[in-house]
C-alpha atoms as a PDB file:
ATOM      1  CA  MET A   1      11.044 -43.395 -52.157  1.00  0.00           C
ATOM      2  CA  ARG A   2      12.278 -46.299 -50.074  1.00  0.00           C
ATOM      3  CA  LEU A   3      15.667 -45.871 -48.380  1.00  0.00           C
ATOM      4  CA  PRO A   4      17.520 -49.078 -47.534  1.00  0.00           C
ATOM      5  CA  THR A   5      18.214 -49.804 -43.945  1.00  0.00           C
ATOM      6  CA  THR A   6      22.001 -49.549 -43.325  1.00  0.00           C
ATOM      7  CA  HIS A   7      23.516 -52.516 -41.673  1.00  0.00           C
ATOM      8  CA  GLY A   8      26.664 -52.637 -39.543  1.00  0.00           C
ATOM      9  CA  CYS A   9      25.721 -49.615 -37.491  1.00  0.00           C
ATOM     10  CA  VAL A  10      26.147 -51.313 -34.141  1.00  0.00           C
ATOM     11  CA  LEU A  11      29.913 -51.373 -34.140  1.00  0.00           C
ATOM     12  CA  PRO A  12      32.483 -52.435 -31.467  1.00  0.00           C
ATOM     13  CA  ARG A  13      32.645 -50.097 -28.497  1.00  0.00           C
ATOM     14  CA  LYS A  14      36.052 -48.712 -29.495  1.00  0.00           C
ATOM     15  CA  VAL A  15      34.390 -46.968 -32.484  1.00  0.00           C
ATOM     16  CA  LEU A  16      33.539 -43.433 -31.382  1.00  0.00           C
ATOM     17  CA  PHE A  17      30.920 -42.438 -33.988  1.00  0.00           C
ATOM     18  CA  MET A  18      29.786 -43.001 -37.512  1.00  0.00           C
ATOM     19  CA  PRO A  19      30.677 -40.431 -40.277  1.00  0.00           C
ATOM     20  CA  ASN A  20      27.074 -40.680 -41.473  1.00  0.00           C
ATOM     21  CA  LEU A  21      23.747 -41.057 -39.709  1.00  0.00           C
ATOM     22  CA  CYS A  22      23.143 -44.668 -38.821  1.00  0.00           C
ATOM     23  CA  HIS A  23      19.872 -46.429 -39.781  1.00  0.00           C
ATOM     24  CA  VAL A  24      18.666 -49.389 -37.764  1.00  0.00           C
ATOM     25  CA  SER A  25      15.556 -51.468 -37.917  1.00  0.00           C
ATOM     26  CA  ALA A  26      12.612 -51.177 -35.590  1.00  0.00           C
ATOM     27  CA  GLY A  27      13.324 -54.569 -34.183  1.00  0.00           C
ATOM     28  CA  THR A  28      16.848 -53.700 -32.982  1.00  0.00           C
ATOM     29  CA  PRO A  29      17.179 -54.101 -29.145  1.00  0.00           C
ATOM     30  CA  VAL A  30      16.656 -50.790 -27.468  1.00  0.00           C
ATOM     31  CA  GLU A  31      20.055 -51.161 -25.652  1.00  0.00           C
ATOM     32  CA  GLU A  32      21.748 -51.188 -28.985  1.00  0.00           C
ATOM     33  CA  ILE A  33      19.700 -48.195 -30.292  1.00  0.00           C
ATOM     34  CA  ALA A  34      20.666 -46.261 -27.142  1.00  0.00           C
ATOM     35  CA  ARG A  35      24.308 -47.272 -27.535  1.00  0.00           C
ATOM     36  CA  VAL A  36      24.380 -45.836 -31.118  1.00  0.00           C
ATOM     37  CA  ILE A  37      22.781 -42.587 -29.884  1.00  0.00           C
ATOM     38  CA  HIS A  38      25.352 -42.304 -27.093  1.00  0.00           C
ATOM     39  CA  ARG A  39      28.087 -42.934 -29.612  1.00  0.00           C
ATOM     40  CA  ASP A  40      26.899 -40.802 -32.549  1.00  0.00           C
ATOM     41  CA  GLY A  41      24.491 -38.332 -30.876  1.00  0.00           C
ATOM     42  CA  ALA A  42      21.692 -39.445 -33.200  1.00  0.00           C
ATOM     43  CA  VAL A  43      20.159 -42.458 -34.990  1.00  0.00           C
ATOM     44  CA  ILE A  44      17.342 -43.206 -37.422  1.00  0.00           C
ATOM     45  CA  VAL A  45      15.045 -46.110 -36.704  1.00  0.00           C
ATOM     46  CA  ASP A  46      13.291 -47.258 -39.819  1.00  0.00           C
ATOM     47  CA  ASP A  47       9.640 -48.171 -40.239  1.00  0.00           C
ATOM     48  CA  VAL A  48       8.465 -47.824 -36.647  1.00  0.00           C
ATOM     49  CA  VAL A  49       4.814 -46.956 -37.364  1.00  0.00           C
ATOM     50  CA  GLU A  50       2.480 -47.343 -40.272  1.00  0.00           C
ATOM     51  CA  PRO A  51       1.976 -44.162 -42.482  1.00  0.00           C
ATOM     52  CA  ALA A  52      -1.724 -44.423 -41.723  1.00  0.00           C
ATOM     53  CA  LEU A  53      -1.024 -43.099 -38.190  1.00  0.00           C
ATOM     54  CA  LEU A  54       0.705 -40.129 -39.700  1.00  0.00           C
ATOM     55  CA  ASP A  55      -2.180 -39.540 -42.151  1.00  0.00           C
ATOM     56  CA  ARG A  56      -4.568 -39.392 -39.121  1.00  0.00           C
ATOM     57  CA  LEU A  57      -2.301 -37.042 -37.253  1.00  0.00           C
ATOM     58  CA  ARG A  58      -1.965 -34.686 -40.246  1.00  0.00           C
ATOM     59  CA  ALA A  59      -5.786 -34.653 -40.762  1.00  0.00           C
ATOM     60  CA  GLU A  60      -6.301 -33.827 -37.054  1.00  0.00           C
ATOM     61  CA  MET A  61      -3.831 -30.992 -37.135  1.00  0.00           C
ATOM     62  CA  GLN A  62      -4.401 -29.546 -40.599  1.00  0.00           C
ATOM     63  CA  PRO A  63      -6.624 -26.665 -39.394  1.00  0.00           C
ATOM     64  CA  PHE A  64      -3.909 -25.555 -36.979  1.00  0.00           C
ATOM     65  CA  ILE A  65      -1.175 -26.014 -39.692  1.00  0.00           C
ATOM     66  CA  ASP A  66      -3.143 -23.829 -42.136  1.00  0.00           C
ATOM     67  CA  ALA A  67      -3.504 -21.079 -39.463  1.00  0.00           C
ATOM     68  CA  ALA A  68       0.203 -21.085 -38.385  1.00  0.00           C
ATOM     69  CA  SER A  69       2.401 -18.039 -39.031  1.00  0.00           C
ATOM     70  CA  TYR A  70       6.029 -17.892 -40.175  1.00  0.00           C
ATOM     71  CA  GLY A  71       8.813 -17.223 -37.717  1.00  0.00           C
ATOM     72  CA  ASN A  72      10.584 -13.890 -37.509  1.00  0.00           C
ATOM     73  CA  SER A  73      14.245 -14.908 -37.157  1.00  0.00           C
ATOM     74  CA  THR A  74      16.771 -17.342 -38.716  1.00  0.00           C
ATOM     75  CA  ILE A  75      16.383 -19.682 -35.744  1.00  0.00           C
ATOM     76  CA  SER A  76      12.605 -19.841 -35.913  1.00  0.00           C
ATOM     77  CA  GLY A  77      12.594 -19.745 -39.759  1.00  0.00           C
ATOM     78  CA  ARG A  78      11.155 -16.966 -41.900  1.00  0.00           C
ATOM     79  CA  ALA A  79       9.639 -19.607 -44.222  1.00  0.00           C
ATOM     80  CA  THR A  80       8.947 -22.100 -41.387  1.00  0.00           C
ATOM     81  CA  ARG A  81       5.658 -22.534 -39.535  1.00  0.00           C
ATOM     82  CA  ARG A  82       5.424 -24.170 -36.112  1.00  0.00           C
ATOM     83  CA  ILE A  83       2.495 -25.270 -34.091  1.00  0.00           C
ATOM     84  CA  GLY A  84       2.480 -26.937 -30.644  1.00  0.00           C
ATOM     85  CA  GLY A  85       0.095 -28.281 -28.071  1.00  0.00           C
ATOM     86  CA  LEU A  86      -0.023 -31.697 -29.755  1.00  0.00           C
ATOM     87  CA  ALA A  87      -0.872 -33.645 -26.601  1.00  0.00           C
ATOM     88  CA  GLY A  88      -4.166 -31.805 -26.351  1.00  0.00           C
ATOM     89  CA  ARG A  89      -4.945 -31.448 -30.038  1.00  0.00           C
ATOM     90  CA  SER A  90      -4.318 -34.898 -31.626  1.00  0.00           C
ATOM     91  CA  SER A  91      -4.981 -38.427 -30.486  1.00  0.00           C
ATOM     92  CA  ALA A  92      -2.545 -39.678 -33.157  1.00  0.00           C
ATOM     93  CA  ALA A  93       0.191 -37.482 -31.698  1.00  0.00           C
ATOM     94  CA  ARG A  94      -0.481 -38.930 -28.335  1.00  0.00           C
ATOM     95  CA  ASP A  95       0.041 -42.384 -29.811  1.00  0.00           C
ATOM     96  CA  LEU A  96       3.452 -41.330 -31.031  1.00  0.00           C
ATOM     97  CA  MET A  97       4.360 -39.702 -27.689  1.00  0.00           C
ATOM     98  CA  THR A  98       3.542 -42.976 -25.697  1.00  0.00           C
ATOM     99  CA  HIS A  99       4.872 -45.466 -28.231  1.00  0.00           C
ATOM    100  CA  SER A 100       6.661 -48.226 -26.334  1.00  0.00           C
ATOM    101  CA  LEU A 101       9.901 -47.848 -28.361  1.00  0.00           C
ATOM    102  CA  VAL A 102       9.966 -44.088 -27.751  1.00  0.00           C
ATOM    103  CA  ARG A 103       9.499 -44.467 -24.039  1.00  0.00           C
ATOM    104  CA  THR A 104      12.230 -47.105 -23.594  1.00  0.00           C
ATOM    105  CA  VAL A 105      14.752 -45.193 -25.797  1.00  0.00           C
ATOM    106  CA  MET A 106      14.268 -42.056 -23.776  1.00  0.00           C
ATOM    107  CA  GLN A 107      14.673 -43.947 -20.496  1.00  0.00           C
ATOM    108  CA  HIS A 108      17.991 -45.428 -21.775  1.00  0.00           C
ATOM    109  CA  VAL A 109      19.375 -42.081 -23.146  1.00  0.00           C
ATOM    110  CA  ILE A 110      18.374 -39.384 -20.662  1.00  0.00           C
ATOM    111  CA  THR A 111      20.762 -39.238 -17.757  1.00  0.00           C
ATOM    112  CA  HIS A 112      19.269 -39.806 -14.298  1.00  0.00           C
ATOM    113  CA  PRO A 113      15.728 -39.121 -15.597  1.00  0.00           C
ATOM    114  CA  VAL A 114      14.200 -38.905 -12.113  1.00  0.00           C
ATOM    115  CA  GLY A 115      10.914 -39.092 -13.985  1.00  0.00           C
ATOM    116  CA  LEU A 116      10.537 -38.763 -17.755  1.00  0.00           C
ATOM    117  CA  GLN A 117       8.573 -35.800 -19.040  1.00  0.00           C
ATOM    118  CA  LEU A 118       7.467 -34.222 -22.250  1.00  0.00           C
ATOM    119  CA  SER A 119       9.457 -31.065 -22.893  1.00  0.00           C
ATOM    120  CA  ASN A 120       8.210 -29.865 -26.251  1.00  0.00           C
ATOM    121  CA  THR A 121       5.761 -30.892 -29.008  1.00  0.00           C
ATOM    122  CA  GLU A 122       5.665 -29.311 -32.459  1.00  0.00           C
ATOM    123  CA  ILE A 123       4.736 -29.819 -36.073  1.00  0.00           C
ATOM    124  CA  ILE A 124       7.365 -28.000 -38.100  1.00  0.00           C
ATOM    125  CA  THR A 125       6.448 -27.072 -41.677  1.00  0.00           C
ATOM    126  CA  ILE A 126       9.452 -25.936 -43.802  1.00  0.00           C
ATOM    127  CA  ASP A 127       8.134 -24.213 -46.989  1.00  0.00           C
ATOM    128  CA  PRO A 128       9.928 -23.987 -50.283  1.00  0.00           C
ATOM    129  CA  GLY A 129      12.592 -21.275 -50.275  1.00  0.00           C
ATOM    130  CA  GLU A 130      13.511 -21.662 -46.623  1.00  0.00           C
ATOM    131  CA  VAL A 131      17.295 -21.554 -45.904  1.00  0.00           C
ATOM    132  CA  HIS A 132      19.360 -23.531 -43.400  1.00  0.00           C
ATOM    133  CA  GLN A 133      18.580 -22.956 -39.803  1.00  0.00           C
ATOM    134  CA  PRO A 134      21.718 -22.148 -37.689  1.00  0.00           C
ATOM    135  CA  LEU A 135      23.213 -25.356 -36.090  1.00  0.00           C
ATOM    136  CA  HIS A 136      22.448 -25.507 -32.381  1.00  0.00           C
ATOM    137  CA  ARG A 137      22.130 -27.788 -29.371  1.00  0.00           C
ATOM    138  CA  ASP A 138      18.697 -28.190 -27.766  1.00  0.00           C
ATOM    139  CA  GLN A 139      20.011 -28.384 -24.214  1.00  0.00           C
ATOM    140  CA  ASP A 140      21.183 -24.771 -24.493  1.00  0.00           C
ATOM    141  CA  ILE A 141      17.603 -23.662 -23.815  1.00  0.00           C
ATOM    142  CA  TRP A 142      18.666 -24.056 -20.102  1.00  0.00           C
ATOM    143  CA  PRO A 143      21.436 -21.603 -18.993  1.00  0.00           C
ATOM    144  CA  PHE A 144      23.373 -24.347 -17.223  1.00  0.00           C
ATOM    145  CA  PRO A 145      26.671 -26.008 -18.179  1.00  0.00           C
ATOM    146  CA  PHE A 146      25.734 -29.692 -18.099  1.00  0.00           C
ATOM    147  CA  PRO A 147      28.817 -31.975 -17.503  1.00  0.00           C
ATOM    148  CA  PRO A 148      30.293 -33.724 -20.548  1.00  0.00           C
ATOM    149  CA  GLY A 149      28.357 -36.990 -21.133  1.00  0.00           C
ATOM    150  CA  TYR A 150      25.271 -35.802 -19.159  1.00  0.00           C
ATOM    151  CA  GLU A 151      22.199 -35.965 -21.414  1.00  0.00           C
ATOM    152  CA  PRO A 152      19.277 -33.990 -19.962  1.00  0.00           C
ATOM    153  CA  LEU A 153      17.228 -34.129 -23.216  1.00  0.00           C
ATOM    154  CA  CYS A 154      16.427 -36.335 -26.126  1.00  0.00           C
ATOM    155  CA  SER A 155      14.196 -35.527 -29.147  1.00  0.00           C
ATOM    156  CA  MET A 156      12.547 -37.297 -32.019  1.00  0.00           C
ATOM    157  CA  MET A 157      11.373 -36.246 -35.511  1.00  0.00           C
ATOM    158  CA  TRP A 158       8.880 -38.081 -37.667  1.00  0.00           C
ATOM    159  CA  PRO A 159       8.337 -37.185 -41.350  1.00  0.00           C
ATOM    160  CA  LEU A 160       4.660 -36.189 -41.568  1.00  0.00           C
ATOM    161  CA  ASN A 161       3.570 -35.368 -45.163  1.00  0.00           C
ATOM    162  CA  THR A 162       6.441 -36.895 -47.180  1.00  0.00           C
ATOM    163  CA  ASP A 163       9.738 -38.748 -46.916  1.00  0.00           C
ATOM    164  CA  PHE A 164      12.647 -36.560 -45.783  1.00  0.00           C
ATOM    165  CA  THR A 165      15.214 -35.916 -48.513  1.00  0.00           C
ATOM    166  CA  ILE A 166      18.164 -33.535 -48.938  1.00  0.00           C
ATOM    167  CA  GLN A 167      16.141 -31.659 -51.543  1.00  0.00           C
ATOM    168  CA  ASN A 168      13.103 -30.912 -49.291  1.00  0.00           C
ATOM    169  CA  GLY A 169      15.060 -30.095 -46.165  1.00  0.00           C
ATOM    170  CA  ALA A 170      15.800 -33.254 -44.166  1.00  0.00           C
ATOM    171  CA  THR A 171      17.068 -32.351 -40.619  1.00  0.00           C
ATOM    172  CA  ARG A 172      20.795 -31.553 -40.488  1.00  0.00           C
ATOM    173  CA  VAL A 173      22.920 -33.376 -37.852  1.00  0.00           C
ATOM    174  CA  VAL A 174      26.618 -33.260 -36.922  1.00  0.00           C
ATOM    175  CA  PRO A 175      27.313 -36.856 -35.714  1.00  0.00           C
ATOM    176  CA  GLY A 176      29.789 -36.937 -32.836  1.00  0.00           C
ATOM    177  CA  SER A 177      29.381 -33.230 -31.995  1.00  0.00           C
ATOM    178  CA  HIS A 178      27.820 -34.201 -28.658  1.00  0.00           C
ATOM    179  CA  LYS A 179      31.355 -35.089 -27.557  1.00  0.00           C
ATOM    180  CA  THR A 180      33.140 -31.904 -28.660  1.00  0.00           C
ATOM    181  CA  GLY A 181      31.576 -29.303 -26.337  1.00  0.00           C
ATOM    182  CA  PHE A 182      30.606 -25.846 -27.524  1.00  0.00           C
ATOM    183  CA  ARG A 183      31.596 -25.057 -31.174  1.00  0.00           C
ATOM    184  CA  SER A 184      30.791 -21.998 -33.276  1.00  0.00           C
ATOM    185  CA  SER A 185      31.300 -23.526 -36.735  1.00  0.00           C
ATOM    186  CA  PHE A 186      31.514 -26.801 -38.645  1.00  0.00           C
ATOM    187  CA  ARG A 187      32.959 -27.971 -41.932  1.00  0.00           C
ATOM    188  CA  ASP A 188      30.465 -28.991 -44.563  1.00  0.00           C
ATOM    189  CA  GLU A 189      31.785 -32.508 -44.621  1.00  0.00           C
ATOM    190  CA  GLU A 190      30.944 -32.898 -40.882  1.00  0.00           C
ATOM    191  CA  ILE A 191      27.191 -32.228 -41.500  1.00  0.00           C
ATOM    192  CA  VAL A 192      24.815 -34.950 -42.775  1.00  0.00           C
ATOM    193  CA  GLN A 193      21.102 -34.853 -43.441  1.00  0.00           C
ATOM    194  CA  ALA A 194      18.524 -37.301 -41.998  1.00  0.00           C
ATOM    195  CA  GLU A 195      17.040 -38.776 -45.084  1.00  0.00           C
ATOM    196  CA  MET A 196      14.265 -41.172 -44.066  1.00  0.00           C
ATOM    197  CA  THR A 197      10.858 -42.509 -44.976  1.00  0.00           C
ATOM    198  CA  ARG A 198       7.463 -41.766 -43.453  1.00  0.00           C
ATOM    199  CA  GLY A 199       6.995 -44.144 -40.508  1.00  0.00           C
ATOM    200  CA  SER A 200      10.709 -43.829 -39.503  1.00  0.00           C
ATOM    201  CA  VAL A 201      12.021 -41.673 -36.726  1.00  0.00           C
ATOM    202  CA  LEU A 202      15.157 -39.660 -36.008  1.00  0.00           C
ATOM    203  CA  PHE A 203      16.294 -39.615 -32.418  1.00  0.00           C
ATOM    204  CA  TRP A 204      18.965 -37.080 -31.247  1.00  0.00           C
ATOM    205  CA  THR A 205      20.369 -35.897 -27.975  1.00  0.00           C
ATOM    206  CA  GLY A 206      20.182 -32.416 -26.479  1.00  0.00           C
ATOM    207  CA  SER A 207      23.929 -32.123 -26.759  1.00  0.00           C
ATOM    208  CA  VAL A 208      24.340 -32.830 -30.481  1.00  0.00           C
ATOM    209  CA  TYR A 209      24.409 -29.967 -33.057  1.00  0.00           C
ATOM    210  CA  HIS A 210      21.602 -30.071 -35.519  1.00  0.00           C
ATOM    211  CA  SER A 211      19.201 -27.840 -37.454  1.00  0.00           C
ATOM    212  CA  GLY A 212      16.415 -27.621 -39.872  1.00  0.00           C
ATOM    213  CA  ALA A 213      17.536 -27.513 -43.490  1.00  0.00           C
ATOM    214  CA  ALA A 214      16.861 -25.545 -46.717  1.00  0.00           C
ATOM    215  CA  ASN A 215      13.822 -26.645 -48.722  1.00  0.00           C
ATOM    216  CA  LYS A 216      14.886 -26.524 -52.344  1.00  0.00           C
ATOM    217  CA  SER A 217      11.804 -28.528 -53.542  1.00  0.00           C
ATOM    218  CA  ALA A 218       8.466 -27.172 -54.747  1.00  0.00           C
ATOM    219  CA  THR A 219       6.427 -28.547 -51.759  1.00  0.00           C
ATOM    220  CA  PRO A 220       6.433 -28.027 -48.041  1.00  0.00           C
ATOM    221  CA  ARG A 221       8.221 -30.501 -45.741  1.00  0.00           C
ATOM    222  CA  GLN A 222       6.462 -31.307 -42.524  1.00  0.00           C
ATOM    223  CA  GLY A 223       7.812 -33.065 -39.463  1.00  0.00           C
ATOM    224  CA  VAL A 224       6.509 -34.044 -36.033  1.00  0.00           C
ATOM    225  CA  MET A 225       9.046 -33.068 -33.307  1.00  0.00           C
ATOM    226  CA  VAL A 226       8.616 -34.260 -29.743  1.00  0.00           C
ATOM    227  CA  SER A 227      11.301 -33.855 -27.023  1.00  0.00           C
ATOM    228  CA  TYR A 228      11.631 -35.405 -23.558  1.00  0.00           C
ATOM    229  CA  SER A 229      13.705 -34.283 -20.623  1.00  0.00           C
ATOM    230  CA  ALA A 230      14.602 -35.287 -17.134  1.00  0.00           C
ATOM    231  CA  GLY A 231      11.720 -34.653 -14.732  1.00  0.00           C
ATOM    232  CA  TRP A 232      13.500 -32.048 -12.690  1.00  0.00           C
ATOM    233  CA  LEU A 233      13.977 -29.554 -15.595  1.00  0.00           C
ATOM    234  CA  ARG A 234      11.608 -26.827 -16.711  1.00  0.00           C
ATOM    235  CA  GLN A 235       9.737 -27.906 -19.829  1.00  0.00           C
ATOM    236  CA  GLU A 236      10.249 -25.984 -23.016  1.00  0.00           C
ATOM    237  CA  GLU A 237       6.434 -26.113 -23.723  1.00  0.00           C
ATOM    238  CA  ASN A 238       4.359 -25.518 -20.637  1.00  0.00           C
ATOM    239  CA  GLN A 239       2.040 -28.604 -20.754  1.00  0.00           C
ATOM    240  CA  TYR A 240      -0.287 -27.217 -18.066  1.00  0.00           C
ATOM    241  CA  LEU A 241      -1.123 -24.355 -20.333  1.00  0.00           C
ATOM    242  CA  ALA A 242      -0.753 -26.121 -23.662  1.00  0.00           C
ATOM    243  CA  VAL A 243      -3.493 -28.681 -22.791  1.00  0.00           C
ATOM    244  CA  PRO A 244      -6.663 -27.139 -21.372  1.00  0.00           C
ATOM    245  CA  HIS A 245      -7.871 -28.830 -18.116  1.00  0.00           C
ATOM    246  CA  GLU A 246     -11.139 -29.954 -19.688  1.00  0.00           C
ATOM    247  CA  ILE A 247      -9.086 -31.986 -22.218  1.00  0.00           C
ATOM    248  CA  ALA A 248      -6.396 -33.048 -19.772  1.00  0.00           C
ATOM    249  CA  ARG A 249      -8.830 -34.611 -17.321  1.00  0.00           C
ATOM    250  CA  GLU A 250      -9.962 -37.026 -20.054  1.00  0.00           C
ATOM    251  CA  LEU A 251      -6.410 -38.221 -20.912  1.00  0.00           C
ATOM    252  CA  ASP A 252      -4.813 -41.427 -19.633  1.00  0.00           C
ATOM    253  CA  ASP A 253      -2.974 -41.130 -16.339  1.00  0.00           C
ATOM    254  CA  ASP A 254       0.205 -42.391 -17.911  1.00  0.00           C
ATOM    255  CA  LEU A 255       0.267 -39.538 -20.434  1.00  0.00           C
ATOM    256  CA  LEU A 256      -0.630 -36.966 -17.756  1.00  0.00           C
ATOM    257  CA  ARG A 257       2.289 -38.133 -15.606  1.00  0.00           C
ATOM    258  CA  MET A 258       4.600 -37.697 -18.574  1.00  0.00           C
ATOM    259  CA  MET A 259       3.101 -34.250 -19.219  1.00  0.00           C
ATOM    260  CA  GLY A 260       4.294 -33.263 -15.706  1.00  0.00           C
ATOM    261  CA  TYR A 261       1.412 -34.188 -13.417  1.00  0.00           C
ATOM    262  CA  GLU A 262       3.868 -36.391 -11.479  1.00  0.00           C
ATOM    263  CA  ARG A 263       6.201 -36.350  -8.479  1.00  0.00           C
ATOM    264  CA  PRO A 264       9.507 -37.747  -9.785  1.00  0.00           C
ATOM    265  CA  ASN A 265      10.691 -37.807  -6.164  1.00  0.00           C
ATOM    266  CA  HIS A 266       9.524 -36.810  -2.718  1.00  0.00           C
ATOM    267  CA  SER A 267      10.610 -33.159  -3.113  1.00  0.00           C
ATOM    268  CA  ILE A 268       9.683 -32.244  -6.733  1.00  0.00           C
ATOM    269  CA  GLY A 269       6.285 -31.536  -8.202  1.00  0.00           C
ATOM    270  CA  ASN A 270       4.049 -31.867  -5.188  1.00  0.00           C
ATOM    271  CA  GLY A 271       0.439 -30.585  -5.277  1.00  0.00           C
ATOM    272  CA  ILE A 272      -0.962 -28.435  -2.527  1.00  0.00           C
ATOM    273  CA  ASP A 273      -0.117 -29.766   0.959  1.00  0.00           C
ATOM    274  CA  ARG A 274       2.192 -32.295  -0.678  1.00  0.00           C
ATOM    275  CA  SER A 275      -0.647 -34.147  -2.373  1.00  0.00           C
ATOM    276  CA  HIS A 276      -0.071 -35.873  -5.747  1.00  0.00           C
ATOM    277  CA  PRO A 277      -0.377 -33.441  -8.641  1.00  0.00           C
ATOM    278  CA  LEU A 278      -2.828 -35.811 -10.405  1.00  0.00           C
ATOM    279  CA  GLY A 279      -5.186 -35.050  -7.576  1.00  0.00           C
ATOM    280  CA  ILE A 280      -6.449 -32.068  -9.585  1.00  0.00           C
ATOM    281  CA  PHE A 281      -8.174 -34.494 -11.898  1.00  0.00           C
ATOM    282  CA  ARG A 282      -8.270 -37.635  -9.749  1.00  0.00           C
ATOM    283  CA  PRO A 283      -9.825 -36.797  -6.288  1.00  0.00           C
ATOM    284  CA  GLU A 284      -8.668 -40.084  -4.861  1.00  0.00           C
ATOM    285  CA  LEU A 285      -5.112 -38.823  -5.175  1.00  0.00           C
ATOM    286  CA  ALA A 286      -5.672 -35.441  -3.566  1.00  0.00           C
ATOM    287  CA  LYS A 287      -4.935 -36.532  -0.109  1.00  0.00           C
ATOM    288  CA  PRO A 288      -2.429 -34.155   1.680  1.00  0.00           C
ATOM    289  CA  ASN A 289       0.997 -35.236   3.031  1.00  0.00           C
ATOM    290  CA  GLN A 290       0.848 -38.680   1.344  1.00  0.00           C
ATOM    291  CA  ASN A 291       4.324 -40.032   0.730  1.00  0.00           C
ATOM    292  CA  ASP A 292       4.764 -42.658  -1.956  1.00  0.00           C
ATOM    293  CA  ARG A 293       7.391 -45.053  -0.669  1.00  0.00           C
ATOM    294  CA  SER A 294       8.117 -46.239  -4.170  1.00  0.00           C
ATOM    295  CA  LEU A 295       9.507 -42.856  -5.150  1.00  0.00           C
ATOM    296  CA  PRO A 296      13.283 -42.350  -5.030  1.00  0.00           C
ATOM    297  CA  ASN A 297      14.641 -39.952  -2.522  1.00  0.00           C
ATOM    298  CA  TYR A 298      17.210 -37.755  -4.341  1.00  0.00           C
ATOM    299  CA  PHE A 299      17.525 -35.366  -1.412  1.00  0.00           C
ATOM    300  CA  PRO A 300      20.644 -36.528   0.498  1.00  0.00           C
ATOM    301  CA  TYR A 301      21.412 -35.175   3.915  1.00  0.00           C
ATOM    302  CA  ALA A 302      24.831 -34.120   5.085  1.00  0.00           C
ATOM    303  CA  GLY A 303      26.896 -37.149   5.486  1.00  0.00           C
ATOM    304  CA  ASP A 304      24.791 -39.292   3.068  1.00  0.00           C
ATOM    305  CA  VAL A 305      26.204 -40.718  -0.125  1.00  0.00           C
ATOM    306  CA  ASP A 306      25.275 -38.621  -3.122  1.00  0.00           C
ATOM    307  CA  PRO A 307      22.707 -40.766  -4.978  1.00  0.00           C
ATOM    308  CA  LEU A 308      23.598 -39.308  -8.328  1.00  0.00           C
ATOM    309  CA  VAL A 309      27.251 -40.372  -8.146  1.00  0.00           C
ATOM    310  CA  PRO A 310      28.012 -44.024  -9.052  1.00  0.00           C
ATOM    311  CA  ALA A 311      29.343 -45.977  -6.088  1.00  0.00           C
ATOM    312  CA  SER A 312      32.621 -46.511  -7.930  1.00  0.00           C
ATOM    313  CA  GLN A 313      33.153 -42.737  -7.915  1.00  0.00           C
ATOM    314  CA  ALA A 314      31.919 -41.915  -4.458  1.00  0.00           C
END
């Protein structure tokens, strides 16, 4: 199956959101991709990676997929299998996590990132017979009322073993729901499904309502889900436990920083004696009380201007 790329998605700013999920090409400027996400709450970018990368990822993860158990609730899915720890288990998954388009989209969407970090990594297998997962917002994992328009989290989903279709359980999304606040129900006509080809990716914000969907086909539907959050928030998947130290010490510093071995500012994430957290693997960074003058200082003193408030609102 080859789905056509939808044109005309990048509309004038007065348009609030699209009634359907918007498809854009991988060559679309990241500023425009981010603008569609801010407008609609989600977007599909077509043909970002070659299917061969997904084939490699699936081969690396197949033993873990085979050993996974079903969930025990409607939210986890009684015919859905989930496995995590992708950063430590799959080099192909690491390539997806650090893809240049992914990094830049997240930096444009997440509000005041103060350091971008991995929040969760999963392969989600929805088996035949599964029903719709309840619609939900990912940002509600944190018991905090984020202000309207504040985006602490953004996620992506890649079809792994097959194209996503309505029949096999393509992710459900409610475009525009990131602007409506908390809601307990939606009309069927407000919900669309993220039909897309392997190699394409769905981005959605932590404030938009979405869910897994019923699989009415005869074969499993697998997707790779990775979420990113602002560096000051607690990660959904504890990367320090998900990736054993003997594996982590061999990973690139850039990925380790994104996993949480980073100081997003002078006050968050320090190692012992205020050393850099990467010092646990890189002895040259283990010096105590070393301040990095390139880091932002989001710790205003009394009388200072709040650095998180735009100057026009101060």
